[in-house]
N, C-alpha and C. Protein backbone atom coordinates (compact mmCIF):
# COMPACT_ATOMS: atom_id res chain seq x y z
N MET A 1 0.75 -1.26 -0.03
CA MET A 1 -0.18 0.01 0.00
C MET A 1 0.87 1.12 0.08
N SER A 2 0.43 2.20 -0.51
CA SER A 2 1.03 3.62 -0.61
C SER A 2 1.17 4.15 0.91
N ASP A 3 1.95 5.33 0.87
CA ASP A 3 2.05 6.07 2.16
C ASP A 3 1.01 7.33 2.08
N ASP A 4 0.03 7.18 0.91
CA ASP A 4 -0.81 8.31 1.03
C ASP A 4 -1.75 8.33 2.21
N SER A 5 -1.85 9.74 2.49
CA SER A 5 -2.55 9.86 3.93
C SER A 5 -4.17 9.67 3.91
N GLU A 6 -4.63 9.51 2.47
CA GLU A 6 -6.04 9.23 2.52
C GLU A 6 -6.18 7.56 2.31
N GLN A 7 -5.33 6.83 2.54
CA GLN A 7 -5.32 5.33 2.48
C GLN A 7 -6.13 5.01 3.77
N ALA A 8 -6.87 3.84 3.39
CA ALA A 8 -7.57 3.25 4.25
C ALA A 8 -7.00 2.57 5.37
N PRO A 9 -7.18 2.40 6.70
CA PRO A 9 -6.63 1.91 7.59
C PRO A 9 -6.32 0.45 7.23
N VAL A 10 -5.05 -0.16 7.62
CA VAL A 10 -4.95 -1.54 7.28
C VAL A 10 -5.10 -2.22 8.55
N ASP A 11 -5.74 -3.43 8.30
CA ASP A 11 -6.05 -4.35 9.20
C ASP A 11 -6.23 -5.72 8.38
N ALA A 12 -6.12 -6.83 9.56
CA ALA A 12 -5.94 -8.14 8.92
C ALA A 12 -7.08 -8.38 8.07
N ARG A 13 -8.22 -7.88 8.16
CA ARG A 13 -9.40 -8.36 6.98
C ARG A 13 -8.88 -8.11 5.66
N ALA A 14 -8.07 -7.04 5.54
CA ALA A 14 -7.71 -6.60 4.03
C ALA A 14 -6.28 -6.90 3.70
N GLU A 15 -5.64 -7.72 4.50
CA GLU A 15 -4.44 -8.25 4.12
C GLU A 15 -4.56 -9.16 2.86
N LEU A 16 -3.70 -9.24 1.90
CA LEU A 16 -3.69 -9.92 0.67
C LEU A 16 -2.64 -11.24 0.81
N ARG A 17 -3.10 -12.40 0.22
CA ARG A 17 -2.22 -13.57 0.32
C ARG A 17 -1.09 -13.46 -0.77
N ARG A 18 -1.51 -12.78 -1.76
CA ARG A 18 -0.73 -12.55 -3.14
C ARG A 18 -0.43 -10.95 -3.10
N ARG A 19 0.58 -10.62 -2.22
CA ARG A 19 0.81 -9.37 -2.07
C ARG A 19 1.53 -8.79 -3.52
N ASP A 20 2.03 -9.46 -4.37
CA ASP A 20 2.62 -9.18 -5.52
C ASP A 20 1.54 -8.48 -6.57
N ARG A 21 0.36 -8.85 -6.43
CA ARG A 21 -0.90 -8.33 -7.07
C ARG A 21 -1.62 -7.39 -6.48
N GLY A 22 -1.20 -6.77 -5.21
CA GLY A 22 -2.03 -5.90 -4.43
C GLY A 22 -1.75 -4.33 -5.15
N LYS A 23 -2.76 -3.59 -5.02
CA LYS A 23 -2.75 -2.40 -5.54
C LYS A 23 -2.75 -1.22 -4.64
N GLU A 24 -2.59 -0.04 -5.13
CA GLU A 24 -2.42 0.94 -4.37
C GLU A 24 -3.79 1.72 -3.99
N ASP A 25 -3.92 2.59 -3.14
CA ASP A 25 -5.40 3.16 -2.90
C ASP A 25 -5.69 4.06 -4.04
N ALA A 26 -4.87 4.63 -4.72
CA ALA A 26 -5.68 5.37 -5.67
C ALA A 26 -6.14 4.47 -6.94
N TRP A 27 -5.38 3.19 -7.08
CA TRP A 27 -6.11 2.24 -7.92
C TRP A 27 -7.48 1.82 -7.38
N VAL A 28 -7.40 1.32 -6.21
CA VAL A 28 -8.78 1.07 -5.52
C VAL A 28 -9.69 2.08 -5.80
N ARG A 29 -9.54 3.33 -5.61
CA ARG A 29 -10.68 4.54 -5.67
C ARG A 29 -11.03 4.40 -7.13
N ALA A 30 -10.13 4.29 -8.09
CA ALA A 30 -10.50 4.55 -9.53
C ALA A 30 -11.20 3.37 -9.92
N PHE A 31 -11.01 2.15 -9.55
CA PHE A 31 -11.82 0.97 -9.89
C PHE A 31 -13.12 0.99 -9.34
N LEU A 32 -13.27 1.51 -8.05
CA LEU A 32 -14.62 1.73 -7.58
C LEU A 32 -15.61 2.65 -8.25
N ARG A 33 -14.79 3.46 -8.75
CA ARG A 33 -15.43 4.61 -9.94
C ARG A 33 -16.06 4.02 -11.25
N ALA A 34 -15.00 2.96 -11.61
CA ALA A 34 -15.31 2.40 -12.85
C ALA A 34 -16.23 1.24 -12.97
N VAL A 35 -16.36 0.28 -11.95
CA VAL A 35 -16.99 -0.88 -12.04
C VAL A 35 -18.55 -0.71 -11.99
N PRO A 36 -19.26 -1.25 -12.84
CA PRO A 36 -20.65 -0.75 -12.78
C PRO A 36 -21.48 -1.49 -11.70
N TYR A 37 -21.14 -2.44 -11.06
CA TYR A 37 -22.18 -2.80 -10.02
C TYR A 37 -21.21 -3.79 -9.01
N GLY A 38 -21.75 -3.80 -7.71
CA GLY A 38 -21.06 -4.65 -6.65
C GLY A 38 -21.82 -5.57 -5.88
N PHE A 39 -21.37 -6.34 -4.90
CA PHE A 39 -21.92 -7.28 -3.99
C PHE A 39 -21.85 -6.91 -2.68
N LEU A 40 -22.82 -6.78 -1.97
CA LEU A 40 -22.96 -6.43 -0.68
C LEU A 40 -23.24 -7.65 0.19
N ALA A 41 -22.34 -7.99 0.98
CA ALA A 41 -22.46 -9.29 2.00
C ALA A 41 -22.80 -8.78 3.21
N THR A 42 -24.10 -9.49 3.75
CA THR A 42 -24.42 -9.46 5.05
C THR A 42 -24.59 -10.61 5.68
N VAL A 43 -24.93 -10.76 6.99
CA VAL A 43 -25.13 -12.28 7.49
C VAL A 43 -26.22 -12.10 8.63
N ASP A 44 -27.22 -13.16 8.44
CA ASP A 44 -28.58 -13.15 9.22
C ASP A 44 -28.22 -13.70 10.70
N ASP A 45 -29.08 -13.62 11.38
CA ASP A 45 -28.92 -14.09 13.03
C ASP A 45 -28.58 -15.61 13.03
N SER A 46 -28.63 -16.41 12.02
CA SER A 46 -28.27 -17.82 12.07
C SER A 46 -26.78 -17.92 11.57
N GLY A 47 -26.22 -16.87 11.22
CA GLY A 47 -24.76 -16.87 10.59
C GLY A 47 -24.72 -17.19 9.18
N GLN A 48 -26.13 -17.42 8.29
CA GLN A 48 -26.01 -17.53 6.96
C GLN A 48 -25.77 -16.07 6.31
N PRO A 49 -24.60 -16.19 5.40
CA PRO A 49 -24.40 -15.02 4.47
C PRO A 49 -25.26 -14.79 3.45
N PHE A 50 -25.42 -13.49 3.07
CA PHE A 50 -26.42 -13.17 2.04
C PHE A 50 -25.75 -12.25 1.09
N LEU A 51 -25.88 -12.51 -0.16
CA LEU A 51 -25.16 -11.45 -1.09
C LEU A 51 -26.30 -10.86 -1.77
N ASN A 52 -26.11 -9.46 -2.07
CA ASN A 52 -26.95 -8.67 -2.79
C ASN A 52 -26.07 -7.77 -3.85
N SER A 53 -26.35 -8.27 -4.96
CA SER A 53 -25.80 -7.60 -6.07
C SER A 53 -26.75 -6.34 -6.39
N ASN A 54 -26.04 -5.12 -6.80
CA ASN A 54 -26.67 -3.79 -6.76
C ASN A 54 -25.68 -2.85 -7.63
N LEU A 55 -26.15 -1.86 -8.15
CA LEU A 55 -25.72 -0.63 -8.43
C LEU A 55 -25.21 0.10 -7.26
N PHE A 56 -24.13 0.72 -7.47
CA PHE A 56 -23.55 1.62 -6.19
C PHE A 56 -22.86 2.88 -6.56
N TYR A 57 -22.63 3.77 -5.68
CA TYR A 57 -21.94 4.87 -5.74
C TYR A 57 -20.74 5.04 -4.72
N TYR A 58 -19.64 5.15 -5.01
CA TYR A 58 -18.30 5.35 -4.21
C TYR A 58 -18.34 7.01 -3.97
N ASP A 59 -18.33 7.24 -2.74
CA ASP A 59 -18.43 8.58 -2.39
C ASP A 59 -16.96 8.70 -1.65
N GLU A 60 -16.34 9.58 -2.42
CA GLU A 60 -14.88 9.30 -2.26
C GLU A 60 -14.57 10.49 -0.94
N ALA A 61 -15.16 11.58 -1.04
CA ALA A 61 -15.06 12.48 -0.07
C ALA A 61 -15.60 12.02 1.55
N ARG A 62 -16.65 11.28 1.29
CA ARG A 62 -17.17 10.54 2.55
C ARG A 62 -16.39 9.23 3.12
N HIS A 63 -15.81 8.70 2.11
CA HIS A 63 -15.01 7.31 2.20
C HIS A 63 -16.09 6.22 2.35
N CYS A 64 -17.33 6.45 1.55
CA CYS A 64 -18.51 5.34 1.77
C CYS A 64 -18.74 5.04 0.51
N VAL A 65 -19.61 3.77 0.52
CA VAL A 65 -20.56 3.22 -0.66
C VAL A 65 -21.88 3.42 -0.35
N TYR A 66 -22.53 4.10 -1.21
CA TYR A 66 -24.06 4.03 -1.09
C TYR A 66 -24.67 3.08 -2.20
N LEU A 67 -25.87 2.39 -1.84
CA LEU A 67 -26.76 1.63 -2.68
C LEU A 67 -27.92 1.75 -2.20
N HIS A 68 -28.98 1.20 -3.13
CA HIS A 68 -30.29 1.26 -2.64
C HIS A 68 -31.21 -0.05 -2.97
N THR A 69 -32.03 -0.29 -2.17
CA THR A 69 -32.92 -1.66 -2.68
C THR A 69 -34.16 -1.12 -1.72
N ALA A 70 -34.98 -2.36 -1.79
CA ALA A 70 -36.43 -2.31 -1.44
C ALA A 70 -36.04 -2.07 0.24
N ARG A 71 -37.21 -1.45 1.01
CA ARG A 71 -37.20 -1.10 2.32
C ARG A 71 -37.24 -2.30 3.21
N THR A 72 -37.74 -3.27 2.55
CA THR A 72 -38.03 -4.46 3.35
C THR A 72 -37.25 -5.52 2.73
N GLY A 73 -36.79 -6.73 3.33
CA GLY A 73 -36.15 -7.93 2.84
C GLY A 73 -34.77 -8.18 3.29
N ARG A 74 -34.06 -9.24 3.21
CA ARG A 74 -33.07 -9.71 3.71
C ARG A 74 -31.66 -8.75 4.06
N THR A 75 -31.59 -7.82 3.11
CA THR A 75 -30.67 -6.72 3.31
C THR A 75 -30.98 -6.02 4.46
N ARG A 76 -31.97 -5.56 4.60
CA ARG A 76 -32.60 -4.63 5.70
C ARG A 76 -32.55 -5.50 7.06
N GLU A 77 -33.11 -6.58 6.84
CA GLU A 77 -33.23 -7.41 8.12
C GLU A 77 -31.72 -7.52 8.73
N ASN A 78 -30.80 -8.03 7.90
CA ASN A 78 -29.65 -8.31 8.37
C ASN A 78 -29.11 -7.21 9.15
N LEU A 79 -29.04 -6.02 8.41
CA LEU A 79 -28.49 -4.91 8.73
C LEU A 79 -29.04 -4.36 9.94
N ASP A 80 -30.41 -4.66 10.24
CA ASP A 80 -30.99 -4.29 11.55
C ASP A 80 -30.45 -5.13 12.72
N ARG A 81 -30.00 -6.42 12.26
CA ARG A 81 -29.31 -7.31 13.31
C ARG A 81 -27.90 -6.91 13.61
N GLY A 82 -27.15 -6.52 12.69
CA GLY A 82 -25.64 -6.24 12.83
C GLY A 82 -25.00 -5.66 11.31
N ASP A 83 -24.14 -4.70 12.02
CA ASP A 83 -23.71 -3.73 10.92
C ASP A 83 -22.57 -4.13 10.08
N LYS A 84 -21.86 -5.34 10.60
CA LYS A 84 -20.87 -5.78 10.06
C LYS A 84 -21.09 -6.21 8.50
N VAL A 85 -20.26 -5.64 7.53
CA VAL A 85 -20.55 -6.05 6.10
C VAL A 85 -19.17 -6.01 5.51
N SER A 86 -19.51 -6.64 4.12
CA SER A 86 -18.22 -6.76 3.01
C SER A 86 -18.98 -6.34 1.93
N PHE A 87 -18.34 -5.60 0.96
CA PHE A 87 -18.73 -5.15 -0.42
C PHE A 87 -17.55 -5.61 -1.29
N SER A 88 -17.88 -6.03 -2.42
CA SER A 88 -16.83 -6.55 -3.42
C SER A 88 -17.24 -6.23 -5.01
N VAL A 89 -16.45 -5.61 -5.71
CA VAL A 89 -16.49 -5.37 -7.15
C VAL A 89 -15.52 -6.23 -7.74
N ALA A 90 -15.49 -6.69 -8.84
CA ALA A 90 -14.67 -7.44 -9.81
C ALA A 90 -14.60 -7.19 -11.12
N ALA A 91 -13.75 -7.64 -12.03
CA ALA A 91 -13.99 -7.72 -13.19
C ALA A 91 -12.90 -8.73 -13.87
N MET A 92 -13.49 -9.37 -14.96
CA MET A 92 -12.53 -10.69 -15.58
C MET A 92 -12.13 -10.10 -16.88
N GLY A 93 -11.01 -10.50 -16.87
CA GLY A 93 -10.09 -10.30 -18.12
C GLY A 93 -10.15 -11.58 -19.15
N ARG A 94 -9.01 -11.51 -19.79
CA ARG A 94 -8.91 -12.82 -20.64
C ARG A 94 -8.73 -14.06 -19.87
N LEU A 95 -8.93 -15.37 -20.37
CA LEU A 95 -8.59 -16.57 -19.93
C LEU A 95 -7.17 -16.70 -20.50
N LEU A 96 -6.31 -17.63 -19.53
CA LEU A 96 -5.00 -17.83 -19.79
C LEU A 96 -4.79 -19.23 -19.90
N PRO A 97 -4.79 -19.76 -21.12
CA PRO A 97 -4.44 -21.28 -21.02
C PRO A 97 -2.95 -21.67 -20.79
N ALA A 98 -2.99 -23.06 -20.52
CA ALA A 98 -1.51 -23.48 -19.99
C ALA A 98 -1.46 -25.08 -20.58
N ALA A 99 -0.33 -25.55 -20.60
CA ALA A 99 -0.33 -26.93 -20.84
C ALA A 99 -0.60 -27.96 -19.79
N GLU A 100 -0.63 -27.44 -18.61
CA GLU A 100 -1.36 -28.15 -17.53
C GLU A 100 -2.53 -27.58 -16.78
N ALA A 101 -3.51 -28.19 -16.72
CA ALA A 101 -4.64 -27.81 -16.02
C ALA A 101 -4.44 -26.84 -14.92
N LEU A 102 -3.55 -27.25 -13.94
CA LEU A 102 -3.40 -26.58 -12.76
C LEU A 102 -2.82 -25.26 -12.80
N GLU A 103 -2.34 -24.75 -14.08
CA GLU A 103 -1.57 -23.61 -14.53
C GLU A 103 -2.64 -22.58 -15.49
N PHE A 104 -3.88 -23.15 -15.65
CA PHE A 104 -4.85 -22.51 -16.45
C PHE A 104 -4.99 -21.15 -15.44
N SER A 105 -5.32 -19.93 -16.14
CA SER A 105 -5.64 -18.77 -15.22
C SER A 105 -6.41 -18.07 -15.84
N VAL A 106 -6.67 -16.75 -15.17
CA VAL A 106 -7.53 -15.64 -15.78
C VAL A 106 -6.84 -14.41 -15.40
N GLU A 107 -7.01 -13.26 -16.21
CA GLU A 107 -6.67 -12.09 -15.79
C GLU A 107 -8.06 -11.37 -15.05
N TYR A 108 -7.79 -10.87 -13.97
CA TYR A 108 -8.69 -10.31 -13.02
C TYR A 108 -8.30 -9.13 -12.35
N ALA A 109 -9.32 -8.23 -11.80
CA ALA A 109 -9.23 -7.17 -10.97
C ALA A 109 -10.27 -7.14 -10.06
N GLY A 110 -10.03 -6.73 -8.70
CA GLY A 110 -11.03 -6.80 -7.88
C GLY A 110 -10.70 -5.86 -6.38
N VAL A 111 -11.81 -5.64 -5.70
CA VAL A 111 -11.87 -4.81 -4.60
C VAL A 111 -12.66 -5.48 -3.55
N VAL A 112 -12.25 -5.60 -2.48
CA VAL A 112 -13.02 -6.05 -1.34
C VAL A 112 -12.96 -4.93 -0.09
N VAL A 113 -14.18 -4.40 0.29
CA VAL A 113 -14.19 -3.46 1.22
C VAL A 113 -14.92 -4.23 2.44
N PHE A 114 -14.16 -3.62 3.76
CA PHE A 114 -14.75 -4.27 4.91
C PHE A 114 -15.31 -2.97 5.72
N GLY A 115 -16.63 -2.95 6.24
CA GLY A 115 -16.96 -1.83 6.96
C GLY A 115 -18.19 -2.03 7.66
N ARG A 116 -18.89 -0.97 7.94
CA ARG A 116 -20.31 -0.89 8.96
C ARG A 116 -21.22 -0.49 7.75
N GLY A 117 -22.42 -1.27 7.81
CA GLY A 117 -23.47 -0.92 6.96
C GLY A 117 -24.57 -0.34 7.76
N HIS A 118 -25.17 0.67 7.21
CA HIS A 118 -26.36 1.66 7.88
C HIS A 118 -27.42 1.83 6.80
N VAL A 119 -28.66 1.70 7.49
CA VAL A 119 -29.74 2.35 6.70
C VAL A 119 -29.67 4.00 6.93
N VAL A 120 -29.87 4.53 5.56
CA VAL A 120 -29.67 5.95 6.02
C VAL A 120 -30.89 6.56 6.25
N ASP A 121 -31.18 7.31 7.26
CA ASP A 121 -32.33 7.72 7.84
C ASP A 121 -32.59 9.04 7.27
N ASP A 122 -31.54 9.89 7.28
CA ASP A 122 -31.73 11.20 7.07
C ASP A 122 -32.07 11.46 5.61
N ARG A 123 -33.11 12.23 5.36
CA ARG A 123 -33.74 12.75 4.13
C ARG A 123 -32.73 13.20 3.20
N ASP A 124 -32.26 14.27 3.56
CA ASP A 124 -31.20 14.93 2.61
C ASP A 124 -29.91 14.09 2.29
N GLU A 125 -29.55 13.20 3.12
CA GLU A 125 -28.35 12.45 2.70
C GLU A 125 -28.85 11.32 1.69
N SER A 126 -30.09 10.66 2.10
CA SER A 126 -30.81 9.85 1.14
C SER A 126 -31.11 10.22 -0.48
N VAL A 127 -31.41 11.61 -0.37
CA VAL A 127 -31.73 12.27 -1.65
C VAL A 127 -30.38 12.50 -2.34
N GLN A 128 -29.32 12.94 -1.52
CA GLN A 128 -27.97 13.12 -2.23
C GLN A 128 -27.44 11.83 -2.71
N ALA A 129 -27.53 10.84 -1.94
CA ALA A 129 -26.96 9.43 -2.53
C ALA A 129 -27.73 9.16 -3.88
N LEU A 130 -29.14 9.14 -3.80
CA LEU A 130 -29.81 8.82 -5.10
C LEU A 130 -29.50 9.73 -6.28
N ARG A 131 -29.31 10.85 -5.86
CA ARG A 131 -29.05 11.74 -7.01
C ARG A 131 -27.45 11.50 -7.52
N ALA A 132 -26.61 11.01 -6.65
CA ALA A 132 -25.31 10.50 -7.14
C ALA A 132 -25.44 9.31 -8.00
N LEU A 133 -26.27 8.47 -7.47
CA LEU A 133 -26.61 6.99 -8.16
C LEU A 133 -26.86 7.42 -9.73
N LEU A 134 -27.96 8.21 -9.63
CA LEU A 134 -28.43 8.53 -10.91
C LEU A 134 -27.66 9.27 -11.93
N ALA A 135 -26.65 10.14 -11.44
CA ALA A 135 -25.70 11.06 -12.05
C ALA A 135 -24.42 9.98 -12.42
N ARG A 136 -24.39 9.15 -11.80
CA ARG A 136 -23.19 8.09 -12.21
C ARG A 136 -23.76 7.07 -13.39
N TYR A 137 -24.86 6.65 -13.21
CA TYR A 137 -25.49 5.70 -14.32
C TYR A 137 -26.09 6.26 -15.44
N ALA A 138 -26.51 7.58 -15.41
CA ALA A 138 -27.26 8.38 -16.52
C ALA A 138 -26.86 9.71 -16.47
N PRO A 139 -25.39 9.93 -16.77
CA PRO A 139 -24.74 11.31 -16.79
C PRO A 139 -25.14 11.98 -17.78
N HIS A 140 -25.88 11.44 -18.95
CA HIS A 140 -26.19 12.39 -20.06
C HIS A 140 -27.93 12.85 -19.59
N LEU A 141 -28.44 12.55 -18.65
CA LEU A 141 -29.83 12.99 -18.11
C LEU A 141 -29.47 14.03 -17.20
N ARG A 142 -30.46 14.99 -16.80
CA ARG A 142 -30.43 15.89 -16.00
C ARG A 142 -31.49 15.63 -14.97
N TYR A 143 -31.02 15.83 -13.71
CA TYR A 143 -31.88 15.81 -12.54
C TYR A 143 -32.84 16.75 -12.49
N GLY A 144 -34.23 16.45 -12.31
CA GLY A 144 -35.10 17.60 -12.27
C GLY A 144 -35.56 18.31 -13.73
N VAL A 145 -34.77 17.63 -14.95
CA VAL A 145 -35.27 18.25 -15.84
C VAL A 145 -35.67 17.09 -16.79
N ASP A 146 -34.58 16.20 -17.00
CA ASP A 146 -34.93 14.92 -17.95
C ASP A 146 -35.96 13.97 -16.94
N TYR A 147 -35.84 13.94 -15.79
CA TYR A 147 -36.66 13.11 -15.06
C TYR A 147 -36.92 13.85 -13.66
N ARG A 148 -37.93 13.30 -13.19
CA ARG A 148 -38.37 14.16 -11.70
C ARG A 148 -37.40 14.01 -10.75
N ALA A 149 -37.30 14.93 -9.77
CA ALA A 149 -36.64 14.89 -8.65
C ALA A 149 -37.36 13.92 -7.75
N VAL A 150 -36.43 13.43 -6.63
CA VAL A 150 -36.92 12.31 -5.79
C VAL A 150 -37.87 13.04 -4.98
N THR A 151 -39.09 12.17 -4.72
CA THR A 151 -40.08 12.63 -4.11
C THR A 151 -39.87 11.83 -2.52
N ASP A 152 -40.97 12.63 -1.59
CA ASP A 152 -40.96 11.83 -0.28
C ASP A 152 -41.73 10.65 -0.73
N ALA A 153 -42.66 10.49 -1.39
CA ALA A 153 -43.44 9.19 -1.61
C ALA A 153 -42.41 7.98 -2.19
N GLU A 154 -41.35 8.26 -3.06
CA GLU A 154 -40.63 7.55 -3.44
C GLU A 154 -39.62 7.01 -2.20
N LEU A 155 -39.06 8.05 -1.52
CA LEU A 155 -38.35 7.73 -0.25
C LEU A 155 -39.01 6.66 0.73
N LYS A 156 -40.25 6.54 0.71
CA LYS A 156 -40.87 5.73 1.50
C LYS A 156 -40.99 4.29 1.12
N ARG A 157 -40.74 4.39 -0.25
CA ARG A 157 -40.81 2.89 -1.05
C ARG A 157 -39.21 2.14 -1.39
N THR A 158 -38.33 3.12 -0.86
CA THR A 158 -36.96 2.54 -1.15
C THR A 158 -36.04 2.82 0.17
N ALA A 159 -35.13 2.35 0.28
CA ALA A 159 -34.11 2.33 1.38
C ALA A 159 -32.75 2.75 0.78
N VAL A 160 -32.15 3.48 1.37
CA VAL A 160 -30.69 3.83 0.96
C VAL A 160 -29.66 3.31 2.01
N TYR A 161 -28.64 2.62 1.36
CA TYR A 161 -27.87 2.06 2.35
C TYR A 161 -26.37 2.74 2.24
N ARG A 162 -25.79 2.86 3.39
CA ARG A 162 -24.35 3.48 3.32
C ARG A 162 -23.35 2.57 4.15
N VAL A 163 -22.38 1.99 3.35
CA VAL A 163 -21.10 1.46 3.88
C VAL A 163 -19.89 2.34 4.21
N ASP A 164 -19.82 2.55 5.46
CA ASP A 164 -18.57 3.33 5.79
C ASP A 164 -17.39 2.40 5.83
N ILE A 165 -16.32 2.74 4.93
CA ILE A 165 -15.24 1.65 4.84
C ILE A 165 -14.32 1.86 5.84
N GLN A 166 -13.84 0.79 6.45
CA GLN A 166 -13.06 0.69 7.51
C GLN A 166 -11.53 0.15 6.95
N SER A 167 -11.71 -0.55 5.97
CA SER A 167 -10.50 -1.15 5.27
C SER A 167 -10.73 -1.51 3.98
N TRP A 168 -9.91 -1.81 3.14
CA TRP A 168 -9.93 -2.51 1.69
C TRP A 168 -8.74 -2.97 1.25
N SER A 169 -8.86 -3.84 0.18
CA SER A 169 -7.66 -4.35 -0.45
C SER A 169 -8.18 -4.27 -1.91
N GLY A 170 -7.13 -4.24 -2.86
CA GLY A 170 -7.42 -4.23 -4.34
C GLY A 170 -6.46 -5.28 -4.60
N LYS A 171 -6.58 -5.89 -5.77
CA LYS A 171 -5.47 -6.80 -6.67
C LYS A 171 -6.06 -7.03 -7.86
N GLN A 172 -5.05 -7.24 -8.69
CA GLN A 172 -5.25 -7.39 -10.13
C GLN A 172 -4.03 -8.40 -10.70
N LYS A 173 -4.61 -9.06 -11.38
CA LYS A 173 -3.49 -10.02 -12.29
C LYS A 173 -3.57 -9.57 -13.52
N GLU A 174 -2.28 -9.15 -14.15
CA GLU A 174 -2.39 -8.87 -15.53
C GLU A 174 -1.03 -9.57 -16.07
N VAL A 175 -1.32 -9.93 -17.39
CA VAL A 175 -0.15 -10.39 -18.07
C VAL A 175 0.10 -9.65 -19.36
N ALA A 176 1.12 -10.24 -20.25
CA ALA A 176 1.40 -9.32 -21.35
C ALA A 176 0.51 -9.50 -22.30
N PRO A 177 0.14 -8.54 -23.25
CA PRO A 177 -0.87 -8.51 -24.20
C PRO A 177 -0.64 -9.70 -25.18
N ASP A 178 0.43 -10.19 -25.24
CA ASP A 178 0.57 -11.27 -26.40
C ASP A 178 0.76 -12.54 -25.73
N PHE A 179 0.09 -12.74 -24.39
CA PHE A 179 0.20 -13.96 -23.75
C PHE A 179 -0.28 -15.09 -24.57
N PRO A 180 0.35 -16.25 -25.20
CA PRO A 180 0.04 -17.28 -25.89
C PRO A 180 -1.23 -17.87 -25.70
N GLY A 181 -2.23 -17.71 -26.54
CA GLY A 181 -3.43 -18.33 -26.67
C GLY A 181 -4.44 -17.82 -25.75
N ALA A 182 -4.32 -16.44 -25.13
CA ALA A 182 -4.99 -15.78 -24.40
C ALA A 182 -6.61 -15.60 -25.15
N PHE A 183 -7.54 -15.66 -24.53
CA PHE A 183 -8.87 -15.64 -25.13
C PHE A 183 -9.99 -15.14 -24.24
N GLU A 184 -10.92 -14.22 -24.64
CA GLU A 184 -11.96 -13.64 -23.79
C GLU A 184 -13.43 -14.59 -23.99
N LEU A 185 -14.04 -14.71 -23.12
CA LEU A 185 -15.15 -15.26 -23.11
C LEU A 185 -16.29 -14.39 -23.72
N PRO A 186 -17.49 -14.97 -24.63
CA PRO A 186 -18.25 -14.00 -25.15
C PRO A 186 -19.12 -13.49 -23.58
N PRO A 187 -19.68 -12.15 -24.10
CA PRO A 187 -20.67 -11.68 -22.81
C PRO A 187 -21.77 -12.33 -22.85
N VAL A 188 -22.47 -12.40 -21.59
CA VAL A 188 -23.68 -13.22 -21.43
C VAL A 188 -24.94 -11.83 -21.82
N ALA A 189 -25.59 -12.41 -22.75
CA ALA A 189 -26.67 -11.34 -23.28
C ALA A 189 -27.72 -11.25 -22.11
N VAL A 190 -28.25 -10.04 -21.88
CA VAL A 190 -29.32 -9.67 -21.22
C VAL A 190 -30.45 -8.91 -21.87
N PRO A 191 -31.76 -9.42 -21.89
CA PRO A 191 -32.33 -10.59 -21.35
C PRO A 191 -31.70 -11.73 -21.54
N PHE A 192 -31.40 -12.69 -20.70
CA PHE A 192 -30.95 -14.04 -20.88
C PHE A 192 -32.02 -14.97 -21.33
N LYS A 193 -31.74 -15.68 -22.57
CA LYS A 193 -32.76 -16.67 -22.95
C LYS A 193 -32.12 -17.88 -22.83
N GLY A 194 -32.34 -18.93 -21.81
CA GLY A 194 -31.81 -20.28 -21.71
C GLY A 194 -32.38 -21.05 -22.64
């Protein structure tokens, strides 16, 4: 990790086994701004982990991640019981064939965040987070012009969640562009028709 004063605190949860693939905090911040969706991990009272995939916004100034989902459901229930969460984002590059099955690999990049999850109860913070989400995913559209501003009725139907980041780690496996036999998987079309 860098000596950057804005670096997330280092703790055992964020230690990497493959330190040679570890990335600096500036890279982690850039990756969180670039990746389109992430996975929030919570745990229920029986210890069962639960993942919720969702769009998100990384608020660099506040050093947190915002997302939203239904007012009721597993995410909300789990956060009401305990605030320890993880949040993860990843991207997959080319597959890397080898002469031995054990040596097959893949290019990848990813970030894991450890922190405290909260339901945002403050109206202004909720609206600000929702506006930031909309600006991130529809930057060509204008809030209050191309679509209606967030209303109180809408705030009653959705919940905004904030993950206060305590620590993080980022890693990436990258190989030469001319890696022999490297290939990409075709993208999965959505809507998916099995």
